[in-house]
Structure formats: structure tokens, C-alpha cells
Amino acid sequence: MLYLQSFDSQPGIVIPYRDLDYRRVKKWLKTSLILDERDQYPLFAAAGLYLGVEDDSRKRIMLDFIYRAFVKNPEERWQWLARGIWVAKYQLHDLPLALRYAEALAGRRTSKMPDWVSEMQVFILNDMNKIDSERILIGALLANGKILDQNEKYLLERELARIGRQKKSGVLW
């Protein structure tokens, strides 16, 4: 990992991250995880260093790495996918990708994850103007009893009430 991280800064030259071959970087990160599956540093590097490049195709390569790593160990790697959702939504402006990641995160939720992990998809559905899907999801989240934080429950109840008022008035936005 130290070799990979320092590769961009060699004697006499500095290589910007955007000039690195991200497919090779992804292989290095994957290899590092294979060597020590408990290590969080490859995911930190992907999310903290390599996602920072202003190149959407390179960001997508790192997001794919993070997603695949998450699927293999959701309990220990969920926070990296949560960061990936933020990048997909706000930097790539790819709501379907953000929703895919949010659904994966919620679908593999463990006791180590906070309640808001399940709620991320609610707000993405809202951004996508999928109000009926949002309403159904909120109802399910409230009914299943897995949202334990009272503030989170209150937030969801308020959102459900807002949707109800908008549907009643016929104006969704």
C-alpha cells in the first residue's frame, strides 16, 4: 500500500492521480485486500485519495472497487460504500447508481450500522421524484421496527406526512 500510495511521487517526477492507470490501481488495492482482508487502508485510499480525482471514469472504477469490497464484508466496509453513495449522487450526478449502492447498503444492514444507512435510499428516491416508492419505503422502515433512533423515526414520519400533504394537494413539487 505504501508503494502504491507513493507511486505518484518518484524521484524527479510527480504524477497526478488523474494520470495513473486506475485499472492497475484497482488491482493493487484488490491485491492488498486479498493479502489482509481486515485491512481498511485500501478502502480508505480508494475513497479518500483516488475518488478525489476530477475524472468521472476513474471515479467509477474506484466506486466499483468499493462496492465489490463491501459486498464481501458489509459489516466492516459499509462506511466506504456510504461515501460512494455521496460521490455517485453529488459528484457524478448519477442517481440510479447512488440508489443501487443505497439499496445494497440497506439490504445488507448489520447491527454495526446506524439507522441512517437504511434511510439513504429514501432521499435518493425523493431526488428521483419516485414519490410512491419513497412513501412505500418509509412506511416499511417505520413498520418493521428496525429504526430505533427516535430522531430518525421523527424525520421519516415528517417526510411521510409531507408526501401525504403534497399528494392531497396534487402538487408534488
Foldseek 3Di string as FASTA:
>chain_A
DVCLVCVQPDVPHGHDLVPDDLVVLLVVLVVVCVVPVLDCVSLCCLLPPQCPDLDVVSVVSSLVSLQVSCVVPVLRRVVSLVSVLVCCCPVVVNLVVSLVSLCVNLVPDDPNDAPCSVVSNLVSCVVVVVLVVSLVSLVVSLVVPPHDDPVVPVVSVVVNVVSVVCVVVVHRD
